[in-house]
Amino acid sequence: MRSIINKFDEFINNPVKYTSSDTRDISKLIITLFFSWIIFVLYLIYIHPVQNVTSKSLVNFDSLGKIKINMTVQRAEEVSRLQLLPITSSGLINRGCYYVEPQAGSGLERIRFMVIKDAIATIEVSRNYTLTTANGAQVGQSIDEVKAIYGKNLVTKDNTLVYTTPKKKFRIVFETDRDQITGYRAGRLPEVDYTNGCFDYQN
């Protein structure tokens, strides 16, 4: 066991020298490949963890996968293994309302979260044709398709369709244009009803 540890230390300190010192030593080559595999696995687990929230995660009235409404941004990052970056263009961070979005390359494009006093209030999906709700609705569907999914729990309000959830303090609001769903937001009241997002927030 001690000899294996010593070889590992030698490999970590100078892997190139270790490998090239005697390329004819098959056992040394095997050990090199073994240690390289261990380092790669550790990198995946601790340095580059697999994200828990993906484009296959479902949007519910109070969650996107493991990200829950009322979570802090920090806790949402921990459970999702995503970076949630502030969208500073909103210009409203100092008022206590701002937006964060998943890091680029996460597969969650055109998704953002409204944050009120560091707690996630809404999940907003805009022209993302992959992400679906827990009931099967998504951007690009027709108004009639969404009405068929939610039935009597869906009401028309101006240019939106509003789904009243089993938990009365939550809603899903679908934005429509020319008989199609162009986006939707899920979350708690009153924030989910903000037509203009953070501009409607009163500190």
Protein backbone atom coordinates (compact mmCIF):
# COMPACT_ATOMS: atom_id res chain seq x y z
CA MET A 1 0.00 0.00 0.00
CA ARG A 2 2.83 2.37 0.92
CA SER A 3 4.49 1.82 -2.46
CA ILE A 4 1.26 2.75 -4.27
CA ILE A 5 0.99 5.97 -2.23
CA ASN A 6 4.59 6.82 -3.05
CA LYS A 7 3.93 6.26 -6.73
CA PHE A 8 0.86 8.47 -6.53
CA ASP A 9 2.92 11.26 -4.91
CA GLU A 10 5.55 10.88 -7.61
CA PHE A 11 2.87 11.04 -10.30
CA ILE A 12 1.20 14.16 -8.81
CA ASN A 13 4.50 16.02 -8.39
CA ASN A 14 5.69 15.43 -11.93
CA PRO A 15 3.37 13.34 -14.15
CA VAL A 16 5.37 14.00 -17.33
CA LYS A 17 8.66 12.86 -15.80
CA TYR A 18 6.96 9.90 -14.18
CA THR A 19 5.45 8.73 -17.44
CA SER A 20 8.45 9.36 -19.68
CA SER A 21 11.15 8.01 -17.34
CA ASP A 22 10.63 4.48 -18.53
CA THR A 23 7.98 4.05 -21.21
CA ARG A 24 8.75 0.36 -21.45
CA ASP A 25 7.54 -0.21 -17.89
CA ILE A 26 3.99 -1.50 -18.48
CA SER A 27 3.10 -1.45 -14.78
CA LYS A 28 4.07 2.21 -14.56
CA LEU A 29 1.90 3.00 -17.57
CA ILE A 30 -1.05 1.19 -15.99
CA ILE A 31 -0.59 3.11 -12.73
CA THR A 32 -0.42 6.37 -14.69
CA LEU A 33 -3.70 5.63 -16.44
CA PHE A 34 -5.31 4.59 -13.15
CA PHE A 35 -4.30 7.77 -11.35
CA SER A 36 -5.38 9.87 -14.33
CA TRP A 37 -8.82 8.26 -14.18
CA ILE A 38 -9.11 8.98 -10.43
CA ILE A 39 -8.19 12.63 -10.97
CA PHE A 40 -10.76 12.92 -13.77
CA VAL A 41 -13.52 11.46 -11.58
CA LEU A 42 -12.62 13.80 -8.71
CA TYR A 43 -12.71 16.73 -11.15
CA LEU A 44 -16.22 15.80 -12.27
CA ILE A 45 -17.47 15.40 -8.71
CA TYR A 46 -15.85 18.31 -6.88
CA ILE A 47 -14.65 20.83 -9.46
CA HIS A 48 -17.18 20.43 -12.28
CA PRO A 49 -20.27 18.83 -10.69
CA VAL A 50 -23.13 17.71 -12.92
CA GLN A 51 -25.98 20.21 -12.69
CA ASN A 52 -29.21 18.98 -11.10
CA VAL A 53 -31.49 21.36 -13.01
CA THR A 54 -31.46 20.97 -16.80
CA SER A 55 -33.61 21.63 -19.85
CA LYS A 56 -35.42 18.38 -18.99
CA SER A 57 -36.48 19.66 -15.57
CA LEU A 58 -40.14 20.53 -15.19
CA VAL A 59 -41.61 23.89 -14.27
CA ASN A 60 -44.26 23.68 -11.59
CA PHE A 61 -46.19 26.55 -10.03
CA ASP A 62 -43.63 26.70 -7.20
CA SER A 63 -40.46 25.22 -8.66
CA LEU A 64 -38.11 24.49 -11.54
CA GLY A 65 -36.73 21.07 -10.76
CA LYS A 66 -34.99 21.38 -7.40
CA ILE A 67 -35.12 25.17 -7.39
CA LYS A 68 -38.07 26.24 -5.24
CA ILE A 69 -39.90 29.51 -4.94
CA ASN A 70 -38.83 31.34 -1.72
CA MET A 71 -35.34 29.81 -1.80
CA THR A 72 -32.43 32.16 -1.45
CA VAL A 73 -30.22 32.50 -4.53
CA GLN A 74 -27.38 30.80 -2.68
CA ARG A 75 -29.52 27.81 -1.75
CA ALA A 76 -30.87 27.55 -5.29
CA GLU A 77 -27.31 27.42 -6.61
CA GLU A 78 -26.43 24.67 -4.14
CA VAL A 79 -29.34 22.38 -4.99
CA SER A 80 -29.18 22.98 -8.76
CA ARG A 81 -25.38 23.07 -9.06
CA LEU A 82 -25.78 26.10 -11.31
CA GLN A 83 -24.42 29.60 -11.15
CA LEU A 84 -27.23 32.14 -11.08
CA LEU A 85 -25.88 35.41 -12.39
CA PRO A 86 -27.49 38.84 -11.80
CA ILE A 87 -28.97 40.53 -14.85
CA THR A 88 -27.73 44.01 -14.05
CA SER A 89 -29.39 45.54 -17.10
CA SER A 90 -32.63 45.56 -15.12
CA GLY A 91 -31.17 48.44 -13.11
CA LEU A 92 -33.34 47.59 -10.13
CA ILE A 93 -30.98 45.79 -7.78
CA ASN A 94 -30.91 48.69 -5.33
CA ARG A 95 -34.71 48.65 -5.03
CA GLY A 96 -34.74 45.13 -3.66
CA CYS A 97 -36.00 43.47 -6.84
CA TYR A 98 -33.73 42.05 -9.51
CA TYR A 99 -33.26 39.09 -11.84
CA VAL A 100 -30.79 36.23 -12.04
CA GLU A 101 -30.27 33.79 -14.88
CA PRO A 102 -28.46 30.45 -15.23
CA GLN A 103 -24.88 30.53 -16.47
CA ALA A 104 -24.24 30.35 -20.20
CA GLY A 105 -23.95 26.83 -21.55
CA SER A 106 -26.29 25.33 -18.96
CA GLY A 107 -28.97 24.57 -21.56
CA LEU A 108 -31.38 26.92 -19.80
CA GLU A 109 -31.39 29.84 -22.19
CA ARG A 110 -34.12 32.49 -21.89
CA ILE A 111 -34.86 31.51 -18.30
CA ARG A 112 -34.69 34.00 -15.46
CA PHE A 113 -35.73 34.27 -11.83
CA MET A 114 -37.19 37.32 -10.15
CA VAL A 115 -35.58 37.86 -6.76
CA ILE A 116 -37.18 39.87 -3.97
CA LYS A 117 -34.98 40.52 -0.94
CA ASP A 118 -32.77 37.56 -1.88
CA ALA A 119 -35.72 35.13 -2.16
CA ILE A 120 -36.80 33.73 -5.53
CA ALA A 121 -40.33 34.96 -6.29
CA THR A 122 -40.94 33.86 -9.90
CA ILE A 123 -39.57 31.60 -12.62
CA GLU A 124 -39.86 33.22 -16.05
CA VAL A 125 -39.58 31.37 -19.36
CA SER A 126 -39.32 33.40 -22.57
CA ARG A 127 -39.21 31.76 -26.00
CA ASN A 128 -37.58 28.61 -24.67
CA TYR A 129 -39.18 25.80 -26.70
CA THR A 130 -37.68 22.93 -24.66
CA LEU A 131 -38.71 23.52 -21.07
CA THR A 132 -42.19 22.27 -20.19
CA THR A 133 -44.49 22.63 -17.23
CA ALA A 134 -45.31 19.66 -15.01
CA ASN A 135 -48.63 19.37 -16.88
CA GLY A 136 -46.99 19.40 -20.32
CA ALA A 137 -47.48 22.99 -21.52
CA GLN A 138 -44.66 24.82 -23.31
CA VAL A 139 -43.82 27.82 -25.44
CA GLY A 140 -45.01 27.43 -29.02
CA GLN A 141 -48.23 25.61 -28.20
CA SER A 142 -51.55 27.06 -29.23
CA ILE A 143 -53.93 28.65 -26.77
CA ASP A 144 -56.39 25.80 -27.36
CA GLU A 145 -53.73 23.19 -26.50
CA VAL A 146 -52.97 24.88 -23.19
CA LYS A 147 -56.66 25.26 -22.41
CA ALA A 148 -57.11 21.55 -23.03
CA ILE A 149 -54.28 20.80 -20.58
CA TYR A 150 -55.51 22.96 -17.69
CA GLY A 151 -59.24 22.92 -18.31
CA LYS A 152 -61.49 24.94 -16.01
CA ASN A 153 -58.56 26.04 -13.84
CA LEU A 154 -57.37 28.31 -16.66
CA VAL A 155 -58.90 31.74 -17.21
CA THR A 156 -58.25 34.38 -19.87
CA LYS A 157 -57.06 37.77 -18.65
CA ASP A 158 -56.12 40.37 -21.29
CA ASN A 159 -53.36 38.74 -23.37
CA THR A 160 -52.62 36.04 -20.82
CA LEU A 161 -53.93 32.72 -19.61
CA VAL A 162 -53.83 32.35 -15.84
CA TYR A 163 -53.69 28.95 -14.15
CA THR A 164 -54.98 28.93 -10.58
CA THR A 165 -53.00 26.26 -8.75
CA PRO A 166 -54.02 23.98 -5.87
CA LYS A 167 -52.00 26.28 -3.63
CA LYS A 168 -53.93 29.53 -3.83
CA LYS A 169 -50.88 31.76 -3.30
CA PHE A 170 -49.26 30.55 -6.54
CA ARG A 171 -50.06 30.98 -10.24
CA ILE A 172 -48.75 30.18 -13.69
CA VAL A 173 -49.30 33.02 -16.16
CA PHE A 174 -48.98 32.27 -19.89
CA GLU A 175 -48.20 35.13 -22.28
CA THR A 176 -49.91 34.85 -25.68
CA ASP A 177 -49.57 36.39 -29.11
CA ARG A 178 -51.46 35.42 -32.29
CA ASP A 179 -52.99 32.31 -30.71
CA GLN A 180 -49.64 30.99 -29.44
CA ILE A 181 -47.87 30.79 -26.11
CA THR A 182 -44.79 33.03 -26.26
CA GLY A 183 -43.68 32.67 -22.64
CA TYR A 184 -44.87 32.01 -19.13
CA ARG A 185 -44.00 32.71 -15.53
CA ALA A 186 -44.67 30.67 -12.42
CA GLY A 187 -44.46 31.78 -8.83
CA ARG A 188 -46.03 33.36 -5.83
CA LEU A 189 -48.51 36.18 -5.49
CA PRO A 190 -48.35 39.12 -5.88
CA GLU A 191 -45.10 39.00 -7.91
CA VAL A 192 -46.30 36.49 -10.50
CA ASP A 193 -49.01 38.98 -11.47
CA TYR A 194 -46.53 41.78 -12.17
CA THR A 195 -47.10 42.58 -15.83
CA ASN A 196 -43.96 44.72 -15.96
CA GLY A 197 -41.82 42.59 -13.68
CA CYS A 198 -39.64 44.45 -11.19
CA PHE A 199 -41.00 47.79 -12.43
CA ASP A 200 -44.26 46.93 -10.66
CA TYR A 201 -42.51 46.10 -7.39
CA GLN A 202 -43.12 48.48 -4.50
CA ASN A 203 -40.38 48.39 -1.87
